[in-house]
Amino acid sequence: MVRLKNGASVRALVACAVATVSLGGVSAALAESSLSTRTAQMSRADIESTISRDVQRRVDGMRRIEGQGKHVSVAATLNTKGDVLTLNLSIEFLPKWYGAEFEDLLHELATAAEDQLRDRSSVRAVKFLVGGRDIYDYFPAERPAARPSAPSSQAPGAATVVLGAGHGIYYHYKFKDWRAQRDPSNGITEDFITPSFTTELSTWLAARSSATTVFARSQATTQHAPSKQEWWKLGARYYLEETYPDNPEIWNSRPDDTSALRERNEDINSRPLFANFIGANTLIHIHTNAGDPSATGVRAFYHTGRSADQTLADNMLCYMGELIHAKEGYEEYTVPKNSSPRDNLGENSKANMPSVIIEAGFHTNASDAAALQNPVFRTAAMKGVEKGYRLTGEGKPCELFKVNKIENSTGLQGVPIPVKVPYKGYPEFAVTATVEITSCPSGWTCTGGSVTYSEKTPSPLKYTFTCNVTSPMPAATFGLRTTLKDIDDVKTKPADHTVTCTPANQKVVPGAPGAKPTFSISAS
């Protein structure tokens, strides 16, 4: 007979009794992987030469935007410490306008360079120069304020978080039509899939962080008259214009911009300007990414030099990895350990509070695109973002859920023997301890089971192991393997340990025929 209980949820557990016992993108993927592996072993000069050639190839094949010349040269250099890669593009790369299109081109080059250098853990940042000068020297009005963003002084439960779903329909002044900011790829248009991620994230921020969430884009399904599109499909700029008509500084931030993409550029700016306007504590942008068909996985970006933003972004990656990898089929989904600094992303640079851009996956990668459309993946990813946000607010570092060494236990037959299961990390309760029998003494029948701890319980979790005998029995040692799993399916690696039951104050009667000893496990 076996009994497991912890005063909450219990299921039958461990019993013992005497008796019986697409081929698409493959070439590109191999090439990129090979290059990444090679750069891990190359000299500084070789790395600079290799990256220069690859970025030059990409630039040569890039579309040109207004003001850019056809022939652009590139030189890549590593700084003395080897942790910053600078891409110096010739003056012909300079556009007429600084806006979303230019940000996209820089992002494409930086992402490609980072992916090639991913095996060199020392490289943490990619910077750009144009004609040997800082880009903002040419566009001084766009230079971000020289301030680090400070952590929120409010507790997470009192915080307001603005959620920005990437992109949305905008008006194009050259073609005089309304269009999405991103092209379809693998069945996804980024503008239309990101709102489902921010809606999911809002649910978990409210439920687990007690945060107040505010959407930068509309969620309404009614029609926006000028575009004849549902409101939820539009960029934030138009929703904010409708909501705050007397505050054009939020949604009409570029009144002198006469480019065809001026409202797209204003859409980028409107998100942080809105967050500033309402005094939000945190700004989180959710995007999908674009790159080579082989590029895959999550990315996170913060504004260069803002340590609070970096901590937030790194923790979000940490727990996105923990939650995503807990789901079947996504155990190997790429989630880097470190976020990337960028000094040219307006969504972050114009924010007065910690601001992070999360790219949940590459819509240009067929496998990622399938994941992005899977509700299981979406929920896991956004739970990870929420967990990173919450634990950052609590001042807790990245620490994944695991069981530490479980000490072997010994005690008397008929007396509860305590077993402690020490753990690290921050599991979401309820937590279930599953006990497998790895070694069953001769003459015993052993089966495994589990016990659930419904309430949040600090380490160590505890249970007792009792050998119930009708008459004294020889000492018996049971091999056990204990695994913990939380309510989000985050599972620890199993920990092996033993429990030994010794005779209690009586002479041992070896193998008494017909005796039926049992043991039970109870959470304590």
Protein backbone atom coordinates (compact mmCIF):
# COMPACT_ATOMS: atom_id res chain seq x y z
CA MET A 1 0.00 0.00 0.00
CA VAL A 2 1.27 3.49 -0.85
CA ARG A 3 0.13 6.88 0.30
CA LEU A 4 1.30 10.36 -0.78
CA LYS A 5 -0.17 13.54 0.55
CA ASN A 6 0.77 17.16 1.02
CA GLY A 7 -2.44 18.67 2.27
CA ALA A 8 -3.43 19.60 -1.29
CA SER A 9 -3.43 17.79 -4.60
CA VAL A 10 -2.36 14.15 -4.25
CA ARG A 11 -2.21 11.22 -6.63
CA ALA A 12 -1.34 7.59 -5.92
CA LEU A 13 2.36 7.24 -5.95
CA VAL A 14 4.95 4.75 -4.85
CA ALA A 15 4.01 1.28 -3.63
CA CYS A 16 6.02 -1.69 -2.46
CA ALA A 17 4.95 -5.07 -1.10
CA VAL A 18 6.70 -8.41 -0.69
CA ALA A 19 5.94 -10.56 -3.76
CA THR A 20 7.03 -9.66 -7.31
CA VAL A 21 8.60 -6.98 -8.44
CA SER A 22 11.82 21.41 -45.98
CA LEU A 23 14.77 21.21 -47.55
CA GLY A 24 14.32 24.98 -48.16
CA GLY A 25 17.26 27.05 -46.95
CA VAL A 26 19.47 24.01 -46.23
CA SER A 27 22.41 25.27 -48.27
CA ALA A 28 22.22 28.71 -46.71
CA ALA A 29 21.91 27.21 -43.25
CA LEU A 30 24.98 25.03 -43.75
CA ALA A 31 26.98 27.94 -45.14
CA GLU A 32 26.05 30.25 -42.28
CA SER A 33 26.71 27.56 -39.66
CA SER A 34 30.08 26.84 -41.24
CA LEU A 35 31.01 30.53 -41.26
CA SER A 36 29.92 30.93 -37.64
CA THR A 37 32.05 27.95 -36.60
CA ARG A 38 35.06 29.24 -38.52
CA THR A 39 34.92 32.72 -36.98
CA ALA A 40 35.19 31.16 -33.51
CA GLN A 41 38.70 29.99 -34.39
CA MET A 42 39.93 32.86 -36.58
CA SER A 43 42.32 35.70 -35.86
CA ARG A 44 41.09 39.27 -35.52
CA ALA A 45 42.33 40.22 -38.98
CA ASP A 46 40.70 37.18 -40.56
CA ILE A 47 37.41 37.90 -38.82
CA GLU A 48 37.44 41.50 -39.98
CA SER A 49 38.20 40.42 -43.53
CA THR A 50 35.54 37.69 -43.54
CA ILE A 51 32.81 39.90 -42.08
CA SER A 52 33.72 42.74 -44.42
CA ARG A 53 33.34 40.49 -47.46
CA ASP A 54 30.03 39.05 -46.29
CA VAL A 55 28.50 42.41 -45.37
CA GLN A 56 29.76 43.86 -48.65
CA ARG A 57 27.94 41.07 -50.50
CA ARG A 58 24.76 41.87 -48.61
CA VAL A 59 25.03 45.60 -49.21
CA ASP A 60 25.61 45.05 -52.93
CA GLY A 61 22.37 43.07 -53.08
CA MET A 62 20.33 45.48 -50.98
CA ARG A 63 17.58 47.67 -52.36
CA ARG A 64 18.44 51.35 -52.22
CA ILE A 65 16.26 53.94 -50.51
CA GLU A 66 15.94 57.63 -51.35
CA GLY A 67 19.30 59.41 -51.30
CA GLN A 68 21.52 56.31 -51.26
CA GLY A 69 24.12 55.69 -53.96
CA LYS A 70 24.57 52.52 -55.92
CA HIS A 71 28.19 51.77 -54.97
CA VAL A 72 28.74 51.39 -51.21
CA SER A 73 31.91 50.03 -49.62
CA VAL A 74 32.11 48.33 -46.21
CA ALA A 75 34.91 47.79 -43.70
CA ALA A 76 34.46 45.75 -40.51
CA THR A 77 36.73 46.26 -37.48
CA LEU A 78 36.85 44.83 -33.96
CA ASN A 79 37.78 47.03 -31.03
CA THR A 80 40.78 46.26 -28.82
CA LYS A 81 38.76 44.16 -26.36
CA GLY A 82 37.14 42.29 -29.21
CA ASP A 83 33.62 42.85 -27.88
CA VAL A 84 32.38 45.47 -30.37
CA LEU A 85 32.23 45.07 -34.14
CA THR A 86 32.06 48.33 -36.11
CA LEU A 87 30.74 48.38 -39.66
CA ASN A 88 31.96 51.48 -41.49
CA LEU A 89 29.92 52.09 -44.63
CA SER A 90 30.92 54.66 -47.22
CA ILE A 91 29.04 57.96 -47.52
CA GLU A 92 26.98 56.58 -50.42
CA PHE A 93 24.97 54.56 -47.88
CA LEU A 94 23.57 57.73 -46.31
CA PRO A 95 19.85 58.22 -47.13
CA LYS A 96 17.97 61.46 -47.54
CA TRP A 97 15.77 60.70 -44.54
CA TYR A 98 16.42 58.94 -41.25
CA GLY A 99 13.44 56.69 -40.73
CA ALA A 100 12.04 53.20 -40.54
CA GLU A 101 13.48 52.04 -43.88
CA PHE A 102 16.99 53.05 -42.86
CA GLU A 103 16.57 51.33 -39.49
CA ASP A 104 15.50 48.18 -41.34
CA LEU A 105 18.64 48.18 -43.51
CA LEU A 106 20.93 48.63 -40.51
CA HIS A 107 19.05 45.95 -38.57
CA GLU A 108 19.44 43.49 -41.45
CA LEU A 109 23.22 44.02 -41.58
CA ALA A 110 23.66 43.88 -37.81
CA THR A 111 21.61 40.69 -37.46
CA ALA A 112 23.61 38.96 -40.18
CA ALA A 113 26.92 39.99 -38.61
CA GLU A 114 25.83 38.89 -35.14
CA ASP A 115 24.71 35.51 -36.41
CA GLN A 116 28.12 34.94 -38.00
CA LEU A 117 29.83 35.88 -34.74
CA ARG A 118 27.51 33.96 -32.41
CA ASP A 119 30.24 31.42 -31.54
CA ARG A 120 32.50 34.27 -30.39
CA SER A 121 30.86 35.00 -27.04
CA SER A 122 33.06 38.06 -26.52
CA VAL A 123 31.32 40.06 -29.28
CA ARG A 124 28.38 41.83 -27.65
CA ALA A 125 27.59 44.74 -29.97
CA VAL A 126 27.52 45.85 -33.60
CA LYS A 127 27.98 49.57 -34.28
CA PHE A 128 27.70 51.58 -37.48
CA LEU A 129 29.58 54.48 -38.99
CA VAL A 130 28.84 56.17 -42.30
CA GLY A 131 31.80 57.83 -43.97
CA GLY A 132 33.76 57.29 -40.74
CA ARG A 133 31.29 59.32 -38.68
CA ASP A 134 28.46 58.59 -36.29
CA ILE A 135 25.16 58.37 -38.19
CA TYR A 136 23.61 60.95 -35.86
CA ASP A 137 26.20 63.51 -36.97
CA TYR A 138 24.20 63.64 -40.20
CA PHE A 139 20.82 63.57 -38.45
CA PRO A 140 21.35 65.47 -35.19
CA ALA A 141 17.60 65.80 -34.52
CA GLU A 142 17.39 62.00 -34.31
CA ARG A 143 20.19 61.62 -31.77
CA PRO A 144 18.79 59.86 -28.66
CA ALA A 145 18.87 61.70 -25.38
CA ALA A 146 22.11 60.96 -23.55
CA ARG A 147 20.58 59.37 -20.49
CA PRO A 148 20.57 55.87 -19.02
CA SER A 149 17.10 54.61 -18.26
CA ALA A 150 16.52 54.00 -14.58
CA PRO A 151 14.62 51.09 -13.05
CA SER A 152 11.02 51.78 -12.12
CA SER A 153 10.59 53.00 -8.54
CA GLN A 154 7.20 51.29 -8.37
CA ALA A 155 6.62 47.72 -7.32
CA PRO A 156 5.64 45.45 -10.24
CA GLY A 157 2.05 45.26 -9.01
CA ALA A 158 1.70 49.04 -9.26
CA ALA A 159 3.33 49.34 -12.67
CA THR A 160 1.92 50.38 -16.03
CA VAL A 161 3.35 48.50 -19.00
CA VAL A 162 2.82 49.69 -22.57
CA LEU A 163 2.73 46.87 -25.12
CA GLY A 164 3.64 47.64 -28.70
CA ALA A 165 2.69 45.06 -31.33
CA GLY A 166 5.12 45.44 -34.22
CA HIS A 167 4.14 47.56 -37.25
CA GLY A 168 0.63 47.81 -38.72
CA ILE A 169 -0.98 49.31 -41.81
CA TYR A 170 0.07 52.86 -42.77
CA TYR A 171 -0.57 55.35 -45.57
CA HIS A 172 2.07 55.48 -48.33
CA TYR A 173 2.20 58.93 -49.90
CA LYS A 174 3.95 57.86 -53.10
CA PHE A 175 1.57 55.04 -53.99
CA LYS A 176 -1.36 56.76 -52.29
CA ASP A 177 -2.62 53.59 -50.63
CA TRP A 178 -2.82 51.85 -47.27
CA ARG A 179 -0.41 48.94 -46.84
CA ALA A 180 1.26 46.72 -44.30
CA GLN A 181 4.80 47.61 -43.26
CA ARG A 182 6.01 44.03 -43.78
CA ASP A 183 5.61 41.69 -46.74
CA PRO A 184 4.03 38.26 -46.26
CA SER A 185 6.45 35.38 -45.67
CA ASN A 186 5.73 31.71 -44.96
CA GLY A 187 2.06 32.46 -44.36
CA ILE A 188 2.77 35.34 -41.95
CA THR A 189 2.47 39.10 -42.19
CA GLU A 190 4.25 40.50 -39.15
CA ASP A 191 1.85 43.44 -38.83
CA PHE A 192 -1.09 41.08 -38.31
CA ILE A 193 0.42 38.36 -36.11
CA THR A 194 2.11 40.51 -33.46
CA PRO A 195 -1.19 41.68 -31.87
CA SER A 196 -1.95 38.09 -30.85
CA PHE A 197 1.37 38.03 -28.97
CA THR A 198 0.75 41.31 -27.11
CA THR A 199 -2.76 40.16 -26.20
CA GLU A 200 -1.28 36.94 -24.79
CA LEU A 201 1.41 38.86 -22.93
CA SER A 202 -1.16 41.22 -21.44
CA THR A 203 -3.04 38.24 -20.00
CA TRP A 204 0.01 36.95 -18.14
CA LEU A 205 1.23 40.37 -17.00
CA ALA A 206 -2.16 40.97 -15.40
CA ALA A 207 -2.47 37.47 -13.90
CA ARG A 208 1.06 36.99 -12.59
CA SER A 209 2.59 40.46 -12.27
CA SER A 210 -0.60 42.36 -11.38
CA ALA A 211 0.52 44.95 -13.92
CA THR A 212 -1.74 47.39 -15.73
CA THR A 213 -1.20 46.95 -19.46
CA VAL A 214 -1.92 49.52 -22.16
CA PHE A 215 -1.85 48.74 -25.87
CA ALA A 216 -0.18 51.12 -28.29
CA ARG A 217 -2.28 49.72 -31.15
CA SER A 218 -6.05 49.44 -31.21
CA GLN A 219 -7.71 46.10 -30.55
CA ALA A 220 -11.02 47.11 -32.08
CA THR A 221 -12.54 45.11 -34.92
CA THR A 222 -14.59 48.05 -36.19
CA GLN A 223 -13.63 49.72 -39.47
CA HIS A 224 -11.19 52.60 -39.77
CA ALA A 225 -12.99 54.74 -42.36
CA PRO A 226 -10.03 56.19 -44.34
CA SER A 227 -8.32 52.82 -44.88
CA LYS A 228 -11.47 50.64 -44.85
CA GLN A 229 -9.48 48.25 -42.65
CA GLU A 230 -10.29 46.96 -39.17
CA TRP A 231 -8.72 49.16 -36.52
CA TRP A 232 -6.61 46.39 -35.00
CA LYS A 233 -4.67 46.06 -38.26
CA LEU A 234 -3.48 49.69 -38.25
CA GLY A 235 -0.25 51.07 -36.89
CA ALA A 236 -0.21 52.75 -33.49
CA ARG A 237 0.02 56.22 -35.00
CA TYR A 238 -3.60 56.23 -36.17
CA TYR A 239 -5.06 54.83 -32.96
CA LEU A 240 -3.16 57.41 -30.92
CA GLU A 241 -4.27 60.21 -33.25
CA GLU A 242 -7.88 59.10 -32.73
CA THR A 243 -7.44 58.80 -28.96
CA TYR A 244 -5.30 61.90 -28.34
CA PRO A 245 -6.26 64.40 -31.06
CA ASP A 246 -5.00 67.34 -28.97
CA ASN A 247 -1.53 65.84 -28.54
CA PRO A 248 0.02 65.70 -32.02
CA GLU A 249 3.48 65.54 -30.46
CA ILE A 250 2.72 61.84 -29.88
CA TRP A 251 1.53 60.81 -33.37
CA ASN A 252 2.74 63.65 -35.62
CA SER A 253 6.33 63.77 -34.42
CA ARG A 254 7.83 64.52 -37.84
CA PRO A 255 5.84 67.49 -39.20
CA ASP A 256 8.69 68.52 -41.52
CA ASP A 257 9.11 65.03 -43.02
CA THR A 258 7.86 65.06 -46.62
CA SER A 259 8.97 61.55 -47.49
CA ALA A 260 6.49 59.00 -48.79
CA LEU A 261 6.98 57.01 -45.59
CA ARG A 262 6.47 59.84 -43.14
CA GLU A 263 3.52 58.22 -41.38
CA ARG A 264 5.38 54.93 -41.10
CA ASN A 265 8.26 56.82 -39.51
CA GLU A 266 5.84 58.53 -37.13
CA ASP A 267 4.36 55.15 -36.24
CA ILE A 268 7.74 53.98 -34.94
CA ASN A 269 8.15 57.10 -32.81
CA SER A 270 4.57 57.14 -31.55
CA ARG A 271 5.01 54.09 -29.33
CA PRO A 272 7.74 55.39 -26.99
CA LEU A 273 6.30 58.92 -27.15
CA PHE A 274 2.95 57.55 -26.00
CA ALA A 275 4.61 55.57 -23.19
CA ASN A 276 6.41 58.75 -22.11
CA PHE A 277 3.17 60.73 -22.26
CA ILE A 278 1.26 58.42 -19.89
CA GLY A 279 4.24 57.89 -17.58
CA ALA A 280 4.52 54.15 -18.15
CA ASN A 281 7.06 52.19 -16.13
CA THR A 282 8.06 49.73 -18.86
CA LEU A 283 7.70 49.48 -22.65
CA ILE A 284 7.73 46.09 -24.38
CA HIS A 285 7.66 45.74 -28.17
CA ILE A 286 6.85 42.39 -29.78
CA HIS A 287 8.05 41.74 -33.32
CA THR A 288 8.89 38.92 -35.68
CA ASN A 289 12.22 39.05 -37.46
CA ALA A 290 13.49 38.83 -41.03
CA GLY A 291 16.78 37.58 -42.46
CA ASP A 292 18.28 34.72 -44.41
CA PRO A 293 16.09 31.59 -44.58
CA SER A 294 18.55 29.96 -42.16
CA ALA A 295 18.32 32.69 -39.52
CA THR A 296 16.27 31.39 -36.61
CA GLY A 297 15.14 31.98 -33.06
CA VAL A 298 14.45 34.72 -30.56
CA ARG A 299 16.33 38.03 -30.33
CA ALA A 300 16.09 40.86 -27.80
CA PHE A 301 17.31 44.45 -28.22
CA TYR A 302 17.87 47.31 -25.81
CA HIS A 303 19.29 50.80 -26.29
CA THR A 304 23.08 50.91 -25.99
CA GLY A 305 24.33 51.99 -22.58
CA ARG A 306 21.08 51.55 -20.66
CA SER A 307 21.88 48.97 -18.02
CA ALA A 308 18.35 48.61 -16.64
CA ASP A 309 17.06 47.86 -20.13
CA GLN A 310 19.85 45.33 -20.69
CA THR A 311 19.04 43.51 -17.45
CA LEU A 312 15.37 43.38 -18.40
CA ALA A 313 16.12 42.12 -21.91
CA ASP A 314 18.57 39.47 -20.68
CA ASN A 315 16.10 38.17 -18.10
CA MET A 316 13.34 38.01 -20.68
CA LEU A 317 15.58 35.88 -22.90
CA CYS A 318 16.51 33.68 -19.95
CA TYR A 319 12.93 32.80 -19.12
CA MET A 320 11.72 32.69 -22.69
CA GLY A 321 14.29 29.94 -23.17
CA GLU A 322 13.14 28.14 -20.03
CA LEU A 323 9.45 28.24 -20.98
CA ILE A 324 9.85 27.57 -24.72
CA HIS A 325 12.27 24.68 -24.24
CA ALA A 326 9.79 23.05 -21.84
CA LYS A 327 7.36 22.46 -24.72
CA GLU A 328 7.53 19.37 -26.89
CA GLY A 329 8.99 20.14 -30.28
CA TYR A 330 10.72 23.33 -29.14
CA GLU A 331 13.46 21.88 -26.95
CA GLU A 332 16.14 23.14 -29.37
CA TYR A 333 14.52 26.43 -30.42
CA THR A 334 17.23 29.09 -30.54
CA VAL A 335 17.12 31.50 -27.60
CA PRO A 336 20.43 33.32 -27.01
CA LYS A 337 21.67 34.03 -23.51
CA ASN A 338 22.44 37.69 -24.16
CA SER A 339 20.42 40.53 -25.61
CA SER A 340 21.93 42.92 -28.17
CA PRO A 341 22.52 46.65 -27.80
CA ARG A 342 21.39 48.97 -30.59
CA ASP A 343 21.65 52.74 -30.68
CA ASN A 344 19.53 53.21 -33.81
CA LEU A 345 16.11 51.75 -32.95
CA GLY A 346 13.63 54.53 -32.29
CA GLU A 347 11.19 52.31 -30.43
CA ASN A 348 13.77 52.00 -27.65
CA SER A 349 15.89 55.13 -27.98
CA LYS A 350 13.02 57.60 -27.50
CA ALA A 351 11.66 55.88 -24.37
CA ASN A 352 12.12 57.46 -20.94
CA MET A 353 11.63 54.10 -19.21
CA PRO A 354 13.15 50.64 -19.64
CA SER A 355 12.25 49.54 -23.16
CA VAL A 356 12.91 46.21 -24.87
CA ILE A 357 12.25 44.86 -28.35
CA ILE A 358 11.53 41.13 -28.46
CA GLU A 359 11.74 39.37 -31.83
CA ALA A 360 9.92 36.07 -31.19
CA GLY A 361 11.22 34.32 -34.32
CA PHE A 362 12.06 34.79 -37.99
CA HIS A 363 9.04 34.84 -40.27
CA THR A 364 11.53 34.29 -43.11
CA ASN A 365 12.37 30.87 -41.65
CA ALA A 366 9.75 28.21 -42.44
CA SER A 367 10.17 26.40 -39.11
CA ASP A 368 10.05 29.60 -37.07
CA ALA A 369 7.00 30.74 -39.02
CA ALA A 370 5.19 27.54 -38.08
CA ALA A 371 6.10 28.11 -34.43
CA LEU A 372 4.90 31.72 -34.53
CA GLN A 373 1.49 30.49 -35.66
CA ASN A 374 1.28 27.83 -32.93
CA PRO A 375 -0.67 28.93 -29.81
CA VAL A 376 1.43 26.60 -27.65
CA PHE A 377 4.61 28.38 -28.70
CA ARG A 378 3.02 31.82 -28.38
CA THR A 379 1.85 31.15 -24.82
CA ALA A 380 5.22 29.74 -23.74
CA ALA A 381 7.13 32.65 -25.28
CA MET A 382 4.93 35.31 -23.70
CA LYS A 383 4.93 33.57 -20.31
CA GLY A 384 8.71 33.78 -20.54
CA VAL A 385 8.60 37.52 -21.28
CA GLU A 386 6.26 38.06 -18.32
CA LYS A 387 8.46 35.99 -16.01
CA GLY A 388 11.53 37.94 -17.03
CA TYR A 389 9.68 41.20 -16.40
CA ARG A 390 8.36 40.08 -13.00
CA LEU A 391 11.62 38.67 -11.65
CA THR A 392 13.58 41.71 -12.86
CA GLY A 393 11.18 43.88 -10.87
CA GLU A 394 11.81 41.67 -7.84
CA GLY A 395 15.56 42.07 -8.26
CA LYS A 396 16.09 38.38 -9.05
CA PRO A 397 18.67 37.19 -11.58
CA CYS A 398 18.40 34.59 -14.31
CA GLU A 399 18.29 31.25 -12.51
CA LEU A 400 16.80 28.23 -14.23
CA PHE A 401 14.73 25.64 -12.39
CA LYS A 402 16.81 22.68 -11.25
CA VAL A 403 17.10 20.18 -8.41
CA ASN A 404 20.27 20.31 -6.39
CA LYS A 405 21.81 17.17 -4.90
CA ILE A 406 19.35 15.18 -2.81
CA GLU A 407 21.09 13.65 0.19
CA ASN A 408 20.57 9.95 0.84
CA SER A 409 18.28 9.22 3.78
CA THR A 410 18.27 6.49 6.42
CA GLY A 411 15.74 5.71 9.12
CA LEU A 412 13.92 3.06 11.10
CA GLN A 413 11.19 0.87 9.75
CA GLY A 414 7.79 2.13 10.83
CA VAL A 415 9.06 5.70 11.37
CA PRO A 416 8.69 8.50 8.75
CA ILE A 417 12.07 9.21 7.16
CA PRO A 418 12.43 12.83 5.96
CA VAL A 419 13.59 13.47 2.40
CA LYS A 420 14.52 16.99 1.31
CA VAL A 421 14.45 18.08 -2.34
CA PRO A 422 16.44 21.33 -2.62
CA TYR A 423 15.82 23.33 -5.78
CA LYS A 424 17.05 26.46 -7.51
CA GLY A 425 15.15 28.86 -9.71
CA TYR A 426 11.66 30.27 -9.63
CA PRO A 427 9.09 27.63 -10.56
CA GLU A 428 5.45 28.53 -11.06
CA PHE A 429 3.42 26.58 -8.53
CA ALA A 430 1.76 24.10 -8.41
CA VAL A 431 4.90 21.94 -8.62
CA THR A 432 4.72 18.18 -9.03
CA ALA A 433 7.42 15.85 -7.70
CA THR A 434 7.58 12.60 -9.65
CA VAL A 435 9.35 9.71 -7.94
CA GLU A 436 10.63 6.76 -9.96
CA ILE A 437 12.04 3.57 -8.46
CA THR A 438 15.47 2.85 -9.90
CA SER A 439 16.39 0.04 -7.48
CA CYS A 440 13.95 -2.25 -5.71
CA PRO A 441 15.22 -4.68 -3.03
CA SER A 442 14.71 -8.37 -3.66
CA GLY A 443 11.32 -9.56 -2.52
CA TRP A 444 9.65 -6.17 -2.85
CA THR A 445 7.22 -4.89 -5.49
CA CYS A 446 7.91 -1.26 -6.38
CA THR A 447 5.98 1.24 -8.50
CA GLY A 448 6.53 4.99 -8.99
CA GLY A 449 4.18 7.93 -8.49
CA SER A 450 3.91 11.68 -7.88
CA VAL A 451 2.82 14.32 -5.39
CA THR A 452 1.73 17.91 -6.05
CA TYR A 453 2.62 20.98 -3.99
CA SER A 454 -0.16 23.45 -4.80
CA GLU A 455 1.06 26.42 -2.77
CA LYS A 456 4.28 28.32 -3.35
CA THR A 457 6.88 26.57 -1.21
CA PRO A 458 10.47 27.69 -0.68
CA SER A 459 13.33 25.26 -1.16
CA PRO A 460 13.62 22.52 -0.08
CA LEU A 461 10.44 20.65 -0.87
CA LYS A 462 9.98 17.88 1.68
CA TYR A 463 8.38 14.50 1.86
CA THR A 464 8.64 11.52 4.19
CA PHE A 465 9.28 7.90 3.31
CA THR A 466 7.90 5.26 5.69
CA CYS A 467 8.53 1.50 5.63
CA ASN A 468 5.50 -0.15 7.21
CA VAL A 469 6.16 -3.75 8.29
CA THR A 470 4.09 -6.32 10.11
CA SER A 471 7.24 -7.84 11.56
CA PRO A 472 10.92 -6.85 11.59
CA MET A 473 12.54 -7.04 8.16
CA PRO A 474 16.13 -6.87 6.95
CA ALA A 475 17.46 -3.44 6.10
CA ALA A 476 16.24 -2.40 2.64
CA THR A 477 17.66 0.34 0.39
CA PHE A 478 15.48 1.82 -2.33
CA GLY A 479 16.95 3.69 -5.28
CA LEU A 480 14.82 6.73 -6.13
CA ARG A 481 14.87 9.28 -8.96
CA THR A 482 13.03 12.52 -8.26
CA THR A 483 12.03 15.08 -10.89
CA LEU A 484 10.16 18.36 -10.37
CA LYS A 485 7.84 19.97 -12.91
CA ASP A 486 5.98 23.25 -12.51
CA ILE A 487 2.56 24.27 -13.81
CA ASP A 488 4.15 25.65 -17.01
CA ASP A 489 5.76 22.26 -17.77
CA VAL A 490 9.24 23.49 -16.85
CA LYS A 491 10.96 20.30 -15.74
CA THR A 492 14.18 19.74 -13.82
CA LYS A 493 16.75 17.13 -14.65
CA PRO A 494 16.18 14.03 -12.48
CA ALA A 495 18.14 13.61 -9.26
CA ASP A 496 19.07 10.12 -8.02
CA HIS A 497 19.18 9.30 -4.32
CA THR A 498 18.43 6.45 -1.91
CA VAL A 499 16.33 5.75 1.16
CA THR A 500 17.34 2.96 3.55
CA CYS A 501 14.95 1.45 6.09
CA THR A 502 16.63 -0.36 9.01
CA PRO A 503 15.02 -2.73 11.56
CA ALA A 504 13.51 -1.07 14.61
CA ASN A 505 14.68 -2.46 18.01
CA GLN A 506 13.93 -6.06 17.14
CA LYS A 507 15.96 -8.98 15.97
CA VAL A 508 15.81 -9.25 12.20
CA VAL A 509 13.80 -12.15 10.90
CA PRO A 510 15.23 -12.64 7.40
CA GLY A 511 12.64 -13.14 4.70
CA ALA A 512 9.76 -14.26 6.88
CA PRO A 513 7.36 -16.07 4.53
CA GLY A 514 4.03 -14.34 4.03
CA ALA A 515 5.14 -11.00 5.51
CA LYS A 516 3.72 -8.02 3.60
CA PRO A 517 5.75 -4.89 4.34
CA THR A 518 4.79 -1.65 2.58
CA PHE A 519 6.15 1.86 2.36
CA SER A 520 4.46 5.18 1.83
CA ILE A 521 5.60 8.64 0.73
CA SER A 522 3.97 11.78 2.09
CA ALA A 523 4.78 15.42 1.38
CA SER A 524 5.52 17.33 4.55
